[in-house]
C-alpha atoms as a PDB file:
ATOM      1  CA  MET A   1      58.925 -23.435  15.294  1.00  0.00           C
ATOM      2  CA  CYS A   2      60.783 -20.222  14.661  1.00  0.00           C
ATOM      3  CA  LEU A   3      58.331 -17.976  16.532  1.00  0.00           C
ATOM      4  CA  LEU A   4      58.901 -19.879  19.787  1.00  0.00           C
ATOM      5  CA  ALA A   5      62.593 -19.113  19.701  1.00  0.00           C
ATOM      6  CA  ARG A   6      61.838 -15.480  18.926  1.00  0.00           C
ATOM      7  CA  ALA A   7      59.444 -15.310  21.869  1.00  0.00           C
ATOM      8  CA  ALA A   8      61.933 -16.809  24.316  1.00  0.00           C
ATOM      9  CA  GLY A   9      64.544 -14.220  23.416  1.00  0.00           C
ATOM     10  CA  SER A  10      62.319 -11.172  23.418  1.00  0.00           C
ATOM     11  CA  ALA A  11      62.314  -8.674  26.255  1.00  0.00           C
ATOM     12  CA  ALA A  12      60.384  -5.943  24.455  1.00  0.00           C
ATOM     13  CA  GLY A  13      57.327  -4.316  25.947  1.00  0.00           C
ATOM     14  CA  GLN A  14      56.258  -3.253  29.386  1.00  0.00           C
ATOM     15  CA  ASP A  15      54.905  -5.689  31.957  1.00  0.00           C
ATOM     16  CA  GLU A  16      53.439  -3.130  34.329  1.00  0.00           C
ATOM     17  CA  GLY A  17      49.964  -4.661  34.153  1.00  0.00           C
ATOM     18  CA  ASP A  18      46.808  -3.905  32.244  1.00  0.00           C
ATOM     19  CA  LEU A  19      44.944  -0.617  32.485  1.00  0.00           C
ATOM     20  CA  ASP A  20      41.155  -0.439  32.342  1.00  0.00           C
ATOM     21  CA  LEU A  21      39.622   1.391  29.392  1.00  0.00           C
ATOM     22  CA  SER A  22      35.863   2.006  29.215  1.00  0.00           C
ATOM     23  CA  ALA A  23      33.938   3.110  26.152  1.00  0.00           C
ATOM     24  CA  ARG A  24      32.385   6.558  26.093  1.00  0.00           C
ATOM     25  CA  GLN A  25      29.266   5.381  24.274  1.00  0.00           C
ATOM     26  CA  ARG A  26      27.783   2.846  21.918  1.00  0.00           C
ATOM     27  CA  ILE A  27      27.366   4.147  18.375  1.00  0.00           C
ATOM     28  CA  PHE A  28      25.348   2.861  15.402  1.00  0.00           C
ATOM     29  CA  PRO A  29      23.009   0.853  17.663  1.00  0.00           C
ATOM     30  CA  GLY A  30      21.372  -0.845  14.694  1.00  0.00           C
ATOM     31  CA  VAL A  31      24.509  -2.956  14.163  1.00  0.00           C
ATOM     32  CA  GLY A  32      25.356  -5.839  16.491  1.00  0.00           C
ATOM     33  CA  PRO A  33      25.323  -9.561  15.684  1.00  0.00           C
ATOM     34  CA  GLY A  34      27.310 -10.445  12.572  1.00  0.00           C
ATOM     35  CA  LEU A  35      29.588  -7.391  12.717  1.00  0.00           C
ATOM     36  CA  ARG A  36      32.656  -7.991  10.555  1.00  0.00           C
ATOM     37  CA  THR A  37      34.501  -4.688  10.176  1.00  0.00           C
ATOM     38  CA  VAL A  38      34.432  -0.891  10.429  1.00  0.00           C
ATOM     39  CA  LYS A  39      36.552   1.113   7.951  1.00  0.00           C
ATOM     40  CA  ARG A  40      37.064   4.803   7.203  1.00  0.00           C
ATOM     41  CA  GLY A  41      37.352   5.755   3.525  1.00  0.00           C
ATOM     42  CA  ALA A  42      39.598   8.467   2.103  1.00  0.00           C
ATOM     43  CA  ASP A  43      36.393  10.410   1.422  1.00  0.00           C
ATOM     44  CA  GLY A  44      35.669  10.473   5.156  1.00  0.00           C
ATOM     45  CA  ARG A  45      32.745   8.071   4.903  1.00  0.00           C
ATOM     46  CA  LEU A  46      32.393   5.221   7.387  1.00  0.00           C
ATOM     47  CA  TYR A  47      31.891   1.678   6.067  1.00  0.00           C
ATOM     48  CA  ILE A  48      30.316  -0.933   8.338  1.00  0.00           C
ATOM     49  CA  LEU A  49      29.948  -4.554   7.274  1.00  0.00           C
ATOM     50  CA  ALA A  50      27.726  -6.982   9.189  1.00  0.00           C
ATOM     51  CA  SER A  51      26.920 -10.385   7.705  1.00  0.00           C
ATOM     52  CA  PRO A  52      24.402 -11.570   6.776  1.00  0.00           C
ATOM     53  CA  SER A  53      22.382  -8.623   8.008  1.00  0.00           C
ATOM     54  CA  PRO A  54      22.173  -5.722   7.388  1.00  0.00           C
ATOM     55  CA  GLY A  55      25.072  -6.081   4.901  1.00  0.00           C
ATOM     56  CA  LEU A  56      27.285  -3.110   3.998  1.00  0.00           C
ATOM     57  CA  LEU A  57      26.217   0.249   5.423  1.00  0.00           C
ATOM     58  CA  VAL A  58      27.871   3.541   4.486  1.00  0.00           C
ATOM     59  CA  PHE A  59      27.617   6.734   6.565  1.00  0.00           C
ATOM     60  CA  ASP A  60      28.722  10.263   5.715  1.00  0.00           C
ATOM     61  CA  THR A  61      30.920  12.420   7.944  1.00  0.00           C
ATOM     62  CA  GLN A  62      27.853  13.568   9.889  1.00  0.00           C
ATOM     63  CA  GLY A  63      26.823  10.012  10.715  1.00  0.00           C
ATOM     64  CA  LYS A  64      23.923   9.910   8.229  1.00  0.00           C
ATOM     65  CA  GLN A  65      23.431   6.644   6.342  1.00  0.00           C
ATOM     66  CA  VAL A  66      23.860   7.282   2.608  1.00  0.00           C
ATOM     67  CA  LEU A  67      24.105   3.768   1.189  1.00  0.00           C
ATOM     68  CA  ALA A  68      23.289   0.137   1.972  1.00  0.00           C
ATOM     69  CA  ILE A  69      24.215  -2.940  -0.043  1.00  0.00           C
ATOM     70  CA  ASN A  70      22.151  -5.945   0.977  1.00  0.00           C
ATOM     71  CA  GLU A  71      23.273  -9.518   1.457  1.00  0.00           C
ATOM     72  CA  MET A  72      21.462 -12.790   0.879  1.00  0.00           C
ATOM     73  CA  GLY A  73      19.085 -13.317   3.775  1.00  0.00           C
ATOM     74  CA  ALA A  74      18.987  -9.630   4.698  1.00  0.00           C
ATOM     75  CA  ALA A  75      15.598  -7.983   4.334  1.00  0.00           C
ATOM     76  CA  PRO A  76      15.807  -4.994   1.972  1.00  0.00           C
ATOM     77  CA  GLY A  77      14.823  -1.682   3.420  1.00  0.00           C
ATOM     78  CA  GLY A  78      15.889   1.887   3.989  1.00  0.00           C
ATOM     79  CA  SER A  79      18.296   3.024   1.281  1.00  0.00           C
ATOM     80  CA  GLY A  80      19.386  -0.531   0.437  1.00  0.00           C
ATOM     81  CA  GLN A  81      19.225  -2.178  -2.945  1.00  0.00           C
ATOM     82  CA  GLY A  82      16.063  -4.005  -3.969  1.00  0.00           C
ATOM     83  CA  HIS A  83      17.933  -7.303  -4.331  1.00  0.00           C
ATOM     84  CA  PRO A  84      21.045  -8.693  -2.653  1.00  0.00           C
ATOM     85  CA  LEU A  85      24.399  -7.937  -4.280  1.00  0.00           C
ATOM     86  CA  ILE A  86      26.560  -9.794  -1.732  1.00  0.00           C
ATOM     87  CA  THR A  87      26.283 -13.441  -0.738  1.00  0.00           C
ATOM     88  CA  PHE A  88      28.276 -13.353   2.522  1.00  0.00           C
ATOM     89  CA  GLY A  89      30.755 -10.556   3.184  1.00  0.00           C
ATOM     90  CA  GLU A  90      33.831 -11.161   5.347  1.00  0.00           C
ATOM     91  CA  ASP A  91      35.579  -7.799   4.920  1.00  0.00           C
ATOM     92  CA  CYS A  92      35.410  -4.521   3.020  1.00  0.00           C
ATOM     93  CA  ASP A  93      37.507  -1.484   2.196  1.00  0.00           C
ATOM     94  CA  ALA A  94      37.198   1.756   0.232  1.00  0.00           C
ATOM     95  CA  ALA A  95      39.807   3.131  -2.169  1.00  0.00           C
ATOM     96  CA  ALA A  96      40.898   6.744  -2.608  1.00  0.00           C
ATOM     97  CA  ASP A  97      38.960   6.934  -5.887  1.00  0.00           C
ATOM     98  CA  GLY A  98      35.724   5.918  -4.137  1.00  0.00           C
ATOM     99  CA  LYS A  99      35.572   2.287  -5.242  1.00  0.00           C
ATOM    100  CA  ILE A 100      34.223  -0.117  -2.626  1.00  0.00           C
ATOM    101  CA  TYR A 101      35.672  -3.621  -2.285  1.00  0.00           C
ATOM    102  CA  VAL A 102      33.905  -6.476  -0.511  1.00  0.00           C
ATOM    103  CA  ALA A 103      35.439  -9.883   0.188  1.00  0.00           C
ATOM    104  CA  ASP A 104      32.408 -12.030  -0.596  1.00  0.00           C
ATOM    105  CA  ARG A 105      33.347 -15.460   0.767  1.00  0.00           C
ATOM    106  CA  GLY A 106      29.918 -16.849   0.013  1.00  0.00           C
ATOM    107  CA  ALA A 107      30.389 -16.246  -3.723  1.00  0.00           C
ATOM    108  CA  ASN A 108      34.216 -16.687  -3.889  1.00  0.00           C
ATOM    109  CA  LEU A 109      34.503 -13.168  -5.284  1.00  0.00           C
ATOM    110  CA  ILE A 110      35.892  -9.733  -4.577  1.00  0.00           C
ATOM    111  CA  GLN A 111      32.911  -7.530  -5.389  1.00  0.00           C
ATOM    112  CA  VAL A 112      33.793  -4.054  -6.665  1.00  0.00           C
ATOM    113  CA  PHE A 113      31.243  -1.222  -6.474  1.00  0.00           C
ATOM    114  CA  THR A 114      31.186   2.469  -7.329  1.00  0.00           C
ATOM    115  CA  SER A 115      30.867   4.966  -4.497  1.00  0.00           C
ATOM    116  CA  ASP A 116      27.107   4.894  -5.164  1.00  0.00           C
ATOM    117  CA  GLY A 117      26.899   1.113  -4.754  1.00  0.00           C
ATOM    118  CA  VAL A 118      26.649   0.231  -8.442  1.00  0.00           C
ATOM    119  CA  PRO A 119      28.408  -3.067  -9.282  1.00  0.00           C
ATOM    120  CA  LEU A 120      31.536  -2.527 -11.400  1.00  0.00           C
ATOM    121  CA  ARG A 121      33.136  -5.959 -11.608  1.00  0.00           C
ATOM    122  CA  SER A 122      33.754  -9.180  -9.703  1.00  0.00           C
ATOM    123  CA  ILE A 123      37.199 -10.743  -9.240  1.00  0.00           C
ATOM    124  CA  PRO A 124      37.144 -14.538  -8.760  1.00  0.00           C
ATOM    125  CA  VAL A 125      39.042 -15.485  -5.601  1.00  0.00           C
ATOM    126  CA  ASN A 126      38.752 -18.771  -3.766  1.00  0.00           C
ATOM    127  CA  ALA A 127      37.589 -18.198  -0.154  1.00  0.00           C
ATOM    128  CA  PRO A 128      38.582 -14.528   0.387  1.00  0.00           C
ATOM    129  CA  VAL A 129      38.631 -13.475   4.046  1.00  0.00           C
ATOM    130  CA  ALA A 130      40.222 -10.001   3.986  1.00  0.00           C
ATOM    131  CA  VAL A 131      40.608  -7.137   1.523  1.00  0.00           C
ATOM    132  CA  ALA A 132      42.660  -3.913   1.534  1.00  0.00           C
ATOM    133  CA  ALA A 133      42.615  -1.054  -0.964  1.00  0.00           C
ATOM    134  CA  LEU A 134      46.151  -0.164  -2.104  1.00  0.00           C
ATOM    135  CA  PRO A 135      47.593   2.786  -4.081  1.00  0.00           C
ATOM    136  CA  GLU A 136      47.162   3.093  -7.868  1.00  0.00           C
ATOM    137  CA  GLY A 137      43.905   1.171  -7.976  1.00  0.00           C
ATOM    138  CA  GLU A 138      45.339  -2.094  -6.692  1.00  0.00           C
ATOM    139  CA  VAL A 139      43.675  -4.273  -4.076  1.00  0.00           C
ATOM    140  CA  GLY A 140      45.211  -6.822  -1.714  1.00  0.00           C
ATOM    141  CA  VAL A 141      43.326  -9.986  -0.801  1.00  0.00           C
ATOM    142  CA  ALA A 142      43.924 -12.630   1.862  1.00  0.00           C
ATOM    143  CA  THR A 143      42.364 -16.074   1.501  1.00  0.00           C
ATOM    144  CA  LEU A 144      41.923 -19.326   3.360  1.00  0.00           C
ATOM    145  CA  ARG A 145      44.057 -21.461   1.068  1.00  0.00           C
ATOM    146  CA  ASP A 146      46.356 -19.570  -1.302  1.00  0.00           C
ATOM    147  CA  PRO A 147      50.053 -20.532  -0.889  1.00  0.00           C
ATOM    148  CA  HIS A 148      50.960 -16.885  -0.230  1.00  0.00           C
ATOM    149  CA  LEU A 149      49.437 -14.670   2.434  1.00  0.00           C
ATOM    150  CA  VAL A 150      48.460 -11.851   0.048  1.00  0.00           C
ATOM    151  CA  ILE A 151      47.332 -11.695  -3.601  1.00  0.00           C
ATOM    152  CA  VAL A 152      47.408  -8.276  -5.291  1.00  0.00           C
ATOM    153  CA  PHE A 153      45.085  -7.451  -8.194  1.00  0.00           C
ATOM    154  CA  ASP A 154      45.387  -4.404 -10.437  1.00  0.00           C
ATOM    155  CA  LYS A 155      42.562  -2.040 -11.357  1.00  0.00           C
ATOM    156  CA  ASN A 156      41.430  -4.439 -14.101  1.00  0.00           C
ATOM    157  CA  GLY A 157      41.216  -7.424 -11.762  1.00  0.00           C
ATOM    158  CA  ARG A 158      44.427  -9.106 -12.946  1.00  0.00           C
ATOM    159  CA  ASP A 159      46.661 -10.990 -10.489  1.00  0.00           C
ATOM    160  CA  VAL A 160      49.892  -8.950 -10.600  1.00  0.00           C
ATOM    161  CA  ARG A 161      51.827 -10.360  -7.643  1.00  0.00           C
ATOM    162  CA  GLU A 162      51.600 -12.538  -4.580  1.00  0.00           C
ATOM    163  CA  PHE A 163      53.680 -12.302  -1.432  1.00  0.00           C
ATOM    164  CA  GLY A 164      54.029 -13.330   2.191  1.00  0.00           C
ATOM    165  CA  GLU A 165      55.389 -16.729   3.207  1.00  0.00           C
ATOM    166  CA  PRO A 166      53.324 -18.562   5.841  1.00  0.00           C
ATOM    167  CA  GLU A 167      55.053 -19.209   9.160  1.00  0.00           C
ATOM    168  CA  GLN A 168      56.028 -22.845   9.592  1.00  0.00           C
ATOM    169  CA  ILE A 169      54.157 -24.009  12.706  1.00  0.00           C
ATOM    170  CA  THR A 170      53.369 -27.613  11.822  1.00  0.00           C
ATOM    171  CA  GLU A 171      54.410 -30.143   9.167  1.00  0.00           C
ATOM    172  CA  ARG A 172      50.819 -30.796   8.132  1.00  0.00           C
ATOM    173  CA  ALA A 173      50.223 -28.516   5.146  1.00  0.00           C
ATOM    174  CA  ASP A 174      46.481 -27.893   5.530  1.00  0.00           C
ATOM    175  CA  LEU A 175      46.824 -27.271   9.248  1.00  0.00           C
ATOM    176  CA  ASN A 176      49.770 -24.934   8.752  1.00  0.00           C
ATOM    177  CA  ARG A 177      47.931 -22.845   6.148  1.00  0.00           C
ATOM    178  CA  TYR A 178      44.895 -22.555   8.412  1.00  0.00           C
ATOM    179  CA  LEU A 179      47.101 -21.273  11.232  1.00  0.00           C
ATOM    180  CA  ASN A 180      48.360 -18.509   8.907  1.00  0.00           C
ATOM    181  CA  ILE A 181      44.922 -17.064   8.118  1.00  0.00           C
ATOM    182  CA  GLY A 182      44.902 -13.345   8.786  1.00  0.00           C
ATOM    183  CA  GLU A 183      43.320  -9.933   8.429  1.00  0.00           C
ATOM    184  CA  MET A 184      44.739  -6.762   6.903  1.00  0.00           C
ATOM    185  CA  ALA A 185      45.018  -3.024   7.457  1.00  0.00           C
ATOM    186  CA  THR A 186      46.861  -0.179   5.718  1.00  0.00           C
ATOM    187  CA  ASP A 187      48.453   3.148   6.592  1.00  0.00           C
ATOM    188  CA  GLY A 188      48.797   6.439   4.752  1.00  0.00           C
ATOM    189  CA  GLN A 189      52.270   5.573   3.419  1.00  0.00           C
ATOM    190  CA  GLY A 190      51.091   2.588   1.376  1.00  0.00           C
ATOM    191  CA  HIS A 191      52.132  -0.121   3.828  1.00  0.00           C
ATOM    192  CA  LEU A 192      50.006  -3.213   4.296  1.00  0.00           C
ATOM    193  CA  TYR A 193      49.755  -4.898   7.710  1.00  0.00           C
ATOM    194  CA  TYR A 194      48.930  -8.598   8.006  1.00  0.00           C
ATOM    195  CA  GLY A 195      47.610  -9.789  11.373  1.00  0.00           C
ATOM    196  CA  PHE A 196      47.997 -13.545  11.937  1.00  0.00           C
ATOM    197  CA  THR A 197      44.759 -14.663  13.548  1.00  0.00           C
ATOM    198  CA  TYR A 198      45.826 -18.025  14.976  1.00  0.00           C
ATOM    199  CA  LEU A 199      49.580 -17.903  15.604  1.00  0.00           C
ATOM    200  CA  PRO A 200      50.357 -18.758  19.243  1.00  0.00           C
ATOM    201  CA  GLU A 201      52.394 -15.534  19.577  1.00  0.00           C
ATOM    202  CA  PRO A 202      50.105 -12.715  18.323  1.00  0.00           C
ATOM    203  CA  THR A 203      51.870 -11.135  15.358  1.00  0.00           C
ATOM    204  CA  VAL A 204      51.244  -8.334  12.862  1.00  0.00           C
ATOM    205  CA  ARG A 205      53.697  -8.037   9.965  1.00  0.00           C
ATOM    206  CA  GLN A 206      54.207  -4.897   7.920  1.00  0.00           C
ATOM    207  CA  TYR A 207      54.815  -5.098   4.154  1.00  0.00           C
ATOM    208  CA  ASP A 208      55.475  -2.409   1.607  1.00  0.00           C
ATOM    209  CA  ARG A 209      53.185  -2.347  -1.412  1.00  0.00           C
ATOM    210  CA  LEU A 210      55.597  -4.540  -3.405  1.00  0.00           C
ATOM    211  CA  GLY A 211      55.540  -7.258  -0.772  1.00  0.00           C
ATOM    212  CA  TYR A 212      58.820  -6.698   1.051  1.00  0.00           C
ATOM    213  CA  ALA A 213      58.455  -7.480   4.753  1.00  0.00           C
ATOM    214  CA  GLY A 214      59.304  -4.798   7.271  1.00  0.00           C
ATOM    215  CA  GLN A 215      58.538  -4.436  10.980  1.00  0.00           C
ATOM    216  CA  ASP A 216      56.973  -7.198  13.092  1.00  0.00           C
ATOM    217  CA  PHE A 217      54.615  -6.232  15.924  1.00  0.00           C
ATOM    218  CA  GLN A 218      54.519  -9.164  18.308  1.00  0.00           C
ATOM    219  CA  TYR A 219      53.224  -9.846  21.817  1.00  0.00           C
ATOM    220  CA  THR A 220      55.774 -12.036  23.596  1.00  0.00           C
ATOM    221  CA  ALA A 221      55.579 -10.792  27.183  1.00  0.00           C
ATOM    222  CA  VAL A 222      55.737 -13.200  30.109  1.00  0.00           C
ATOM    223  CA  GLU A 223      51.975 -13.046  30.674  1.00  0.00           C
ATOM    224  CA  ALA A 224      51.397 -14.230  27.080  1.00  0.00           C
ATOM    225  CA  PHE A 225      53.483 -17.378  27.476  1.00  0.00           C
ATOM    226  CA  ALA A 226      50.783 -19.581  29.032  1.00  0.00           C
ATOM    227  CA  THR A 227      48.302 -18.772  26.248  1.00  0.00           C
ATOM    228  CA  ALA A 228      50.922 -19.494  23.590  1.00  0.00           C
ATOM    229  CA  GLN A 229      51.845 -22.818  25.212  1.00  0.00           C
ATOM    230  CA  ALA A 230      48.192 -23.870  25.374  1.00  0.00           C
ATOM    231  CA  ALA A 231      47.752 -22.978  21.697  1.00  0.00           C
ATOM    232  CA  ARG A 232      50.777 -25.070  20.717  1.00  0.00           C
ATOM    233  CA  LYS A 233      49.467 -28.048  22.652  1.00  0.00           C
ATOM    234  CA  GLU A 234      46.159 -27.776  20.807  1.00  0.00           C
ATOM    235  CA  ILE A 235      48.040 -27.595  17.491  1.00  0.00           C
ATOM    236  CA  GLU A 236      49.924 -30.793  18.385  1.00  0.00           C
ATOM    237  CA  ARG A 237      46.691 -32.500  19.394  1.00  0.00           C
ATOM    238  CA  GLN A 238      44.930 -31.670  16.134  1.00  0.00           C
ATOM    239  CA  GLU A 239      48.005 -32.546  14.119  1.00  0.00           C
ATOM    240  CA  SER A 240      48.208 -36.023  15.654  1.00  0.00           C
ATOM    241  CA  LYS A 241      44.502 -36.738  15.177  1.00  0.00           C
ATOM    242  CA  GLY A 242      44.465 -35.624  11.538  1.00  0.00           C
ATOM    243  CA  GLN A 243      41.150 -33.839  11.985  1.00  0.00           C
ATOM    244  CA  GLN A 244      39.857 -30.749  10.214  1.00  0.00           C
ATOM    245  CA  PRO A 245      41.513 -27.613  11.655  1.00  0.00           C
ATOM    246  CA  SER A 246      39.391 -25.775  14.224  1.00  0.00           C
ATOM    247  CA  PHE A 247      40.938 -23.205  16.563  1.00  0.00           C
ATOM    248  CA  LYS A 248      39.907 -20.266  18.714  1.00  0.00           C
ATOM    249  CA  ARG A 249      41.111 -16.921  17.426  1.00  0.00           C
ATOM    250  CA  ILE A 250      44.073 -15.515  19.331  1.00  0.00           C
ATOM    251  CA  LEU A 251      44.503 -12.163  17.584  1.00  0.00           C
ATOM    252  CA  THR A 252      40.916 -10.998  17.224  1.00  0.00           C
ATOM    253  CA  ALA A 253      41.383  -7.565  15.613  1.00  0.00           C
ATOM    254  CA  VAL A 254      44.050  -5.197  14.311  1.00  0.00           C
ATOM    255  CA  GLY A 255      43.939  -1.470  13.631  1.00  0.00           C
ATOM    256  CA  VAL A 256      46.586   0.917  12.319  1.00  0.00           C
ATOM    257  CA  ASP A 257      46.985   4.658  12.821  1.00  0.00           C
ATOM    258  CA  ARG A 258      47.178   5.767   9.190  1.00  0.00           C
ATOM    259  CA  ALA A 259      49.089   8.922  10.145  1.00  0.00           C
ATOM    260  CA  ASN A 260      52.055   7.342  11.932  1.00  0.00           C
ATOM    261  CA  GLY A 261      51.911   3.557  11.482  1.00  0.00           C
ATOM    262  CA  GLU A 262      51.288   2.729  15.144  1.00  0.00           C
ATOM    263  CA  VAL A 263      49.489  -0.579  15.609  1.00  0.00           C
ATOM    264  CA  TRP A 264      46.660  -1.611  17.929  1.00  0.00           C
ATOM    265  CA  ILE A 265      46.006  -5.328  18.477  1.00  0.00           C
ATOM    266  CA  ALA A 266      43.023  -6.921  20.221  1.00  0.00           C
ATOM    267  CA  LEU A 267      43.225 -10.259  22.006  1.00  0.00           C
ATOM    268  CA  ASN A 268      39.535 -10.571  22.883  1.00  0.00           C
ATOM    269  CA  ASN A 269      39.118  -8.219  25.873  1.00  0.00           C
ATOM    270  CA  ARG A 270      42.791  -7.119  25.880  1.00  0.00           C
ATOM    271  CA  LEU A 271      43.972  -4.187  23.733  1.00  0.00           C
ATOM    272  CA  LEU A 272      47.691  -3.682  22.970  1.00  0.00           C
ATOM    273  CA  HIS A 273      49.240  -0.469  21.641  1.00  0.00           C
ATOM    274  CA  PHE A 274      52.560  -0.602  19.728  1.00  0.00           C
ATOM    275  CA  ASP A 275      54.620   2.275  18.360  1.00  0.00           C
ATOM    276  CA  LYS A 276      55.836   2.171  14.753  1.00  0.00           C
ATOM    277  CA  GLU A 277      59.106   0.493  15.802  1.00  0.00           C
ATOM    278  CA  GLY A 278      57.209  -2.451  17.287  1.00  0.00           C
ATOM    279  CA  ASN A 279      57.609  -1.516  20.960  1.00  0.00           C
ATOM    280  CA  ARG A 280      54.579  -2.179  23.126  1.00  0.00           C
ATOM    281  CA  ARG A 281      53.560   1.092  24.770  1.00  0.00           C
ATOM    282  CA  ALA A 282      50.552   0.019  26.840  1.00  0.00           C
ATOM    283  CA  THR A 283      48.043  -2.761  27.455  1.00  0.00           C
ATOM    284  CA  TYR A 284      44.373  -2.244  28.316  1.00  0.00           C
ATOM    285  CA  LYS A 285      41.339  -4.268  29.310  1.00  0.00           C
ATOM    286  CA  ILE A 286      38.350  -2.861  27.441  1.00  0.00           C
ATOM    287  CA  TYR A 287      34.765  -2.544  28.677  1.00  0.00           C
ATOM    288  CA  THR A 288      31.395  -1.167  27.624  1.00  0.00           C
ATOM    289  CA  PRO A 289      30.125   1.990  29.392  1.00  0.00           C
ATOM    290  CA  GLN A 290      28.143  -0.351  31.679  1.00  0.00           C
ATOM    291  CA  GLY A 291      31.276  -2.265  32.686  1.00  0.00           C
ATOM    292  CA  ALA A 292      30.760  -5.438  30.615  1.00  0.00           C
ATOM    293  CA  ARG A 293      33.789  -7.072  29.006  1.00  0.00           C
ATOM    294  CA  LEU A 294      34.134  -6.079  25.369  1.00  0.00           C
ATOM    295  CA  GLU A 295      35.494  -8.826  23.114  1.00  0.00           C
ATOM    296  CA  ALA A 296      36.826  -6.879  20.121  1.00  0.00           C
ATOM    297  CA  ASN A 297      36.681  -8.184  16.560  1.00  0.00           C
ATOM    298  CA  THR A 298      37.362  -4.922  14.686  1.00  0.00           C
ATOM    299  CA  ILE A 299      39.361  -1.755  15.449  1.00  0.00           C
ATOM    300  CA  LEU A 300      39.343   1.599  13.657  1.00  0.00           C
ATOM    301  CA  VAL A 301      42.066   4.008  14.809  1.00  0.00           C
ATOM    302  CA  GLU A 302      41.051   7.655  14.411  1.00  0.00           C
ATOM    303  CA  GLN A 303      42.965  10.827  15.265  1.00  0.00           C
ATOM    304  CA  ASP A 304      41.542  11.238  18.758  1.00  0.00           C
ATOM    305  CA  ARG A 305      39.403   8.137  19.265  1.00  0.00           C
ATOM    306  CA  LEU A 306      39.177   4.407  18.789  1.00  0.00           C
ATOM    307  CA  ILE A 307      36.117   2.766  17.283  1.00  0.00           C
ATOM    308  CA  ILE A 308      35.977  -0.826  18.489  1.00  0.00           C
ATOM    309  CA  GLY A 309      33.398  -3.344  17.373  1.00  0.00           C
ATOM    310  CA  SER A 310      32.263  -6.577  18.981  1.00  0.00           C
ATOM    311  CA  ASP A 311      30.066  -9.336  17.605  1.00  0.00           C
ATOM    312  CA  PRO A 312      27.375  -9.368  19.000  1.00  0.00           C
ATOM    313  CA  LEU A 313      27.624  -6.381  21.378  1.00  0.00           C
ATOM    314  CA  GLY A 314      27.952  -3.729  18.656  1.00  0.00           C
ATOM    315  CA  ILE A 315      30.183  -0.704  17.996  1.00  0.00           C
ATOM    316  CA  TYR A 316      31.690   1.511  20.704  1.00  0.00           C
ATOM    317  CA  GLU A 317      33.607   4.772  20.781  1.00  0.00           C
ATOM    318  CA  PHE A 318      36.645   5.177  23.059  1.00  0.00           C
ATOM    319  CA  GLU A 319      38.788   8.168  23.800  1.00  0.00           C
ATOM    320  CA  ARG A 320      42.334   7.428  22.669  1.00  0.00           C
ATOM    321  CA  PRO A 321      44.238   7.015  25.934  1.00  0.00           C
ATOM    322  CA  ASP A 322      47.583   7.898  24.313  1.00  0.00           C
ATOM    323  CA  LYS A 323      46.202  11.327  23.332  1.00  0.00           C
ATOM    324  CA  ARG A 324      44.937  12.402  26.750  1.00  0.00           C
ATOM    325  CA  ASN A 325      48.082  14.301  27.684  1.00  0.00           C
ATOM    326  CA  THR A 326      48.526  15.929  24.263  1.00  0.00           C
ATOM    327  CA  LYS A 327      45.343  18.000  24.215  1.00  0.00           C
END
């Protein structure tokens, strides 16, 4: 259990206690239950995926909805398509050339659309859970079962490389692969960030576009030790019983500042901010404007704000606390 040894020897990060951070307002009130992700495209448009309803919604820079791609079970309406084009979306992203990618776990496909929502192609992938648009028309995909963490497809849908070795947490192969499920984000320099959803020590690993691992962003402070120990006990319990893997998410969301590579990690109601060298700068407890706990499952890092989503509470806008003294 290599991460345990790394955690015991780590003294990085501040332990000064959590700060409270309240949202300024709720935005896009029509989205709540089923929220999967919020992404910003290179064209400035905002992409919101909620499954099974309302599906994929796209908004222009003024906040006006310009596109909707329906899912199975979602009632068509507004500017959506007349029939569903997605079975069950887990994640989405938009490339610099305007192409839209959706990880359709229900159909075992990566669905590729034009910027206008017209289907271009489908890439067969077994159980995709995360997708990230990469430079030169490539797309990275994370799955539930592939031996590597990331599969990269070229612009024609061909598998061109795979990378990322799962962390060895348990000897049981199916259990170990489940514990390495993750989500992905990118920055403006072409790096891909893989957030391990279930590792006892919350970890985000940076890769370059060719798959070479770089910086680790990891939460190993004293206050995280009890949660990590409880997670390891649950892993041992499920390993001994031989049952189907079933765990509570530990890392619930990850967002990256595309300008400088700083990383934001959510652990339910707790939000951690790391600089690009992997040092933890601050820790926050996040709340709605009314003071309710906000359990984050998606983070979008903007220049002067954070957009944080919660299933089922919806999408909220926060002032970036690290920018308050720079205005």
